[in-house]
């Protein structure tokens, strides 16, 4: 088991709801991935992410889906693409990422509490 976090440490992780507005193939990535454009609402706006979701999802099934993402990591350069947020998911038994899901729609930009 990992060492426990303090509440202030957890509060530093900024996890927000967003809607995927664009998803496209990312052929330059070393591992199969998509380039995503996410709408976090008026406070944060649009952000980009590279996500290894190709086993369970197609670009068409991702567009319009609401997801959770960490918005306060430093951006990461992945080949020619700058990934600005980390979309959250959990690996299935084979190690393929399954997106976290919200039980009901929420406003884009809503913070996980």
C-alpha atoms as a PDB file:
ATOM      1  CA  UNK A   1       0.000   0.000   0.000  1.00  0.00           C
ATOM      2  CA  UNK A   2       1.170   3.525  -0.770  1.00  0.00           C
ATOM      3  CA  UNK A   3       1.796   6.005   2.010  1.00  0.00           C
ATOM      4  CA  UNK A   4      -1.290   8.046   2.930  1.00  0.00           C
ATOM      5  CA  UNK A   5      -1.847  11.506   1.472  1.00  0.00           C
ATOM      6  CA  UNK A   6      -2.689  14.470   3.591  1.00  0.00           C
ATOM      7  CA  UNK A   7      -5.839  16.408   2.704  1.00  0.00           C
ATOM      8  CA  UNK A   8      -3.809  19.428   1.476  1.00  0.00           C
ATOM      9  CA  UNK A   9      -1.817  17.119  -0.835  1.00  0.00           C
ATOM     10  CA  UNK A  10      -5.036  15.733  -2.344  1.00  0.00           C
ATOM     11  CA  UNK A  11      -6.485  19.220  -2.782  1.00  0.00           C
ATOM     12  CA  UNK A  12      -3.503  20.135  -4.992  1.00  0.00           C
ATOM     13  CA  UNK A  13      -4.636  17.608  -7.635  1.00  0.00           C
ATOM     14  CA  UNK A  14      -7.134  19.513  -9.789  1.00  0.00           C
ATOM     15  CA  UNK A  15      -9.470  16.970 -11.434  1.00  0.00           C
ATOM     16  CA  UNK A  16     -12.180  18.469 -13.662  1.00  0.00           C
ATOM     17  CA  UNK A  17     -15.016  17.285 -15.886  1.00  0.00           C
ATOM     18  CA  UNK A  18     -14.743  17.934 -19.615  1.00  0.00           C
ATOM     19  CA  UNK A  19     -16.472  16.946 -22.830  1.00  0.00           C
ATOM     20  CA  UNK A  20     -14.395  15.516 -25.679  1.00  0.00           C
ATOM     21  CA  UNK A  21     -15.132  17.753 -28.682  1.00  0.00           C
ATOM     22  CA  UNK A  22     -12.580  16.255 -31.080  1.00  0.00           C
ATOM     23  CA  UNK A  23     -10.711  12.943 -31.290  1.00  0.00           C
ATOM     24  CA  UNK A  24      -8.284  11.906 -34.016  1.00  0.00           C
ATOM     25  CA  UNK A  25      -5.684   9.237 -34.695  1.00  0.00           C
ATOM     26  CA  UNK A  26      -2.147   9.984 -33.478  1.00  0.00           C
ATOM     27  CA  UNK A  27       0.095   8.003 -35.858  1.00  0.00           C
ATOM     28  CA  UNK A  28       3.316   9.644 -34.568  1.00  0.00           C
ATOM     29  CA  UNK A  29       2.808   8.268 -31.026  1.00  0.00           C
ATOM     30  CA  UNK A  30       5.051   5.342 -29.982  1.00  0.00           C
ATOM     31  CA  UNK A  31       2.056   3.477 -28.528  1.00  0.00           C
ATOM     32  CA  UNK A  32      -1.379   3.604 -30.200  1.00  0.00           C
ATOM     33  CA  UNK A  33      -3.136   6.770 -29.035  1.00  0.00           C
ATOM     34  CA  UNK A  34      -5.600   9.483 -29.945  1.00  0.00           C
ATOM     35  CA  UNK A  35      -5.234  13.245 -29.860  1.00  0.00           C
ATOM     36  CA  UNK A  36      -8.163  14.690 -27.924  1.00  0.00           C
ATOM     37  CA  UNK A  37      -9.547  18.206 -27.659  1.00  0.00           C
ATOM     38  CA  UNK A  38     -11.520  18.676 -24.437  1.00  0.00           C
ATOM     39  CA  UNK A  39     -13.923  21.449 -23.413  1.00  0.00           C
ATOM     40  CA  UNK A  40     -13.531  22.365 -19.727  1.00  0.00           C
ATOM     41  CA  UNK A  41     -16.054  25.211 -19.860  1.00  0.00           C
ATOM     42  CA  UNK A  42     -15.505  28.974 -19.718  1.00  0.00           C
ATOM     43  CA  UNK A  43     -13.063  29.091 -16.771  1.00  0.00           C
ATOM     44  CA  UNK A  44     -10.450  26.712 -18.285  1.00  0.00           C
ATOM     45  CA  UNK A  45     -11.493  26.518 -21.935  1.00  0.00           C
ATOM     46  CA  UNK A  46     -10.207  24.000 -24.468  1.00  0.00           C
ATOM     47  CA  UNK A  47      -7.254  21.738 -23.662  1.00  0.00           C
ATOM     48  CA  UNK A  48      -5.458  18.975 -25.566  1.00  0.00           C
ATOM     49  CA  UNK A  49      -4.497  15.486 -24.439  1.00  0.00           C
ATOM     50  CA  UNK A  50      -2.875  12.394 -25.879  1.00  0.00           C
ATOM     51  CA  UNK A  51      -4.643   9.274 -24.618  1.00  0.00           C
ATOM     52  CA  UNK A  52      -3.963   5.563 -25.167  1.00  0.00           C
ATOM     53  CA  UNK A  53      -7.608   4.588 -25.622  1.00  0.00           C
ATOM     54  CA  UNK A  54      -7.501   2.819 -28.975  1.00  0.00           C
ATOM     55  CA  UNK A  55      -8.460  -0.661 -27.753  1.00  0.00           C
ATOM     56  CA  UNK A  56     -11.921   0.150 -26.360  1.00  0.00           C
ATOM     57  CA  UNK A  57     -12.798   3.358 -28.232  1.00  0.00           C
ATOM     58  CA  UNK A  58     -12.851   4.903 -31.693  1.00  0.00           C
ATOM     59  CA  UNK A  59     -12.705   8.637 -32.352  1.00  0.00           C
ATOM     60  CA  UNK A  60     -16.440   8.586 -33.142  1.00  0.00           C
ATOM     61  CA  UNK A  61     -17.328   6.951 -29.804  1.00  0.00           C
ATOM     62  CA  UNK A  62     -15.197   9.449 -27.864  1.00  0.00           C
ATOM     63  CA  UNK A  63     -16.639  12.694 -29.255  1.00  0.00           C
ATOM     64  CA  UNK A  64     -19.371  13.971 -26.953  1.00  0.00           C
ATOM     65  CA  UNK A  65     -18.286  11.781 -24.026  1.00  0.00           C
ATOM     66  CA  UNK A  66     -17.800  13.492 -20.689  1.00  0.00           C
ATOM     67  CA  UNK A  67     -14.590  12.504 -18.873  1.00  0.00           C
ATOM     68  CA  UNK A  68     -12.461  13.440 -15.882  1.00  0.00           C
ATOM     69  CA  UNK A  69      -8.958  14.843 -16.317  1.00  0.00           C
ATOM     70  CA  UNK A  70      -6.145  16.275 -14.206  1.00  0.00           C
ATOM     71  CA  UNK A  71      -5.670  19.850 -15.377  1.00  0.00           C
ATOM     72  CA  UNK A  72      -2.727  20.996 -13.251  1.00  0.00           C
ATOM     73  CA  UNK A  73       0.091  18.736 -14.447  1.00  0.00           C
ATOM     74  CA  UNK A  74       2.844  20.384 -16.450  1.00  0.00           C
ATOM     75  CA  UNK A  75       2.251  20.011 -20.216  1.00  0.00           C
ATOM     76  CA  UNK A  76       4.065  17.112 -21.843  1.00  0.00           C
ATOM     77  CA  UNK A  77       5.531  17.030 -25.345  1.00  0.00           C
ATOM     78  CA  UNK A  78       4.662  13.760 -27.103  1.00  0.00           C
ATOM     79  CA  UNK A  79       6.353  13.835 -30.507  1.00  0.00           C
ATOM     80  CA  UNK A  80       4.886  16.813 -32.374  1.00  0.00           C
ATOM     81  CA  UNK A  81       1.915  17.089 -29.957  1.00  0.00           C
ATOM     82  CA  UNK A  82       1.719  19.016 -26.670  1.00  0.00           C
ATOM     83  CA  UNK A  83      -0.504  17.186 -24.166  1.00  0.00           C
ATOM     84  CA  UNK A  84      -1.911  19.655 -21.628  1.00  0.00           C
ATOM     85  CA  UNK A  85      -4.097  17.474 -19.372  1.00  0.00           C
ATOM     86  CA  UNK A  86      -4.231  13.848 -18.210  1.00  0.00           C
ATOM     87  CA  UNK A  87      -7.501  12.042 -19.006  1.00  0.00           C
ATOM     88  CA  UNK A  88      -8.273   9.501 -16.278  1.00  0.00           C
ATOM     89  CA  UNK A  89      -8.958   5.812 -16.760  1.00  0.00           C
ATOM     90  CA  UNK A  90      -8.260   2.415 -15.268  1.00  0.00           C
ATOM     91  CA  UNK A  91      -6.614  -0.559 -17.023  1.00  0.00           C
ATOM     92  CA  UNK A  92      -8.789  -3.612 -17.647  1.00  0.00           C
ATOM     93  CA  UNK A  93      -7.500  -7.170 -17.009  1.00  0.00           C
ATOM     94  CA  UNK A  94      -5.457  -7.009 -20.237  1.00  0.00           C
ATOM     95  CA  UNK A  95      -4.000  -3.580 -19.459  1.00  0.00           C
ATOM     96  CA  UNK A  96      -6.177  -1.587 -21.897  1.00  0.00           C
ATOM     97  CA  UNK A  97      -7.443   1.730 -20.539  1.00  0.00           C
ATOM     98  CA  UNK A  98     -11.136   2.128 -19.700  1.00  0.00           C
ATOM     99  CA  UNK A  99     -12.220   5.728 -19.131  1.00  0.00           C
ATOM    100  CA  UNK A 100     -13.625   6.778 -15.789  1.00  0.00           C
ATOM    101  CA  UNK A 101     -17.334   7.520 -16.122  1.00  0.00           C
ATOM    102  CA  UNK A 102     -19.658  10.050 -14.532  1.00  0.00           C
ATOM    103  CA  UNK A 103     -23.017   8.764 -13.296  1.00  0.00           C
ATOM    104  CA  UNK A 104     -24.848  11.804 -14.732  1.00  0.00           C
ATOM    105  CA  UNK A 105     -23.962  14.861 -16.830  1.00  0.00           C
ATOM    106  CA  UNK A 106     -22.246  17.705 -14.960  1.00  0.00           C
ATOM    107  CA  UNK A 107     -21.126  21.169 -16.074  1.00  0.00           C
ATOM    108  CA  UNK A 108     -17.819  21.192 -17.953  1.00  0.00           C
ATOM    109  CA  UNK A 109     -15.084  22.423 -15.645  1.00  0.00           C
ATOM    110  CA  UNK A 110     -16.746  21.018 -12.526  1.00  0.00           C
ATOM    111  CA  UNK A 111     -14.108  20.008  -9.976  1.00  0.00           C
ATOM    112  CA  UNK A 112     -13.946  16.578  -8.369  1.00  0.00           C
ATOM    113  CA  UNK A 113     -14.433  17.050  -4.616  1.00  0.00           C
END
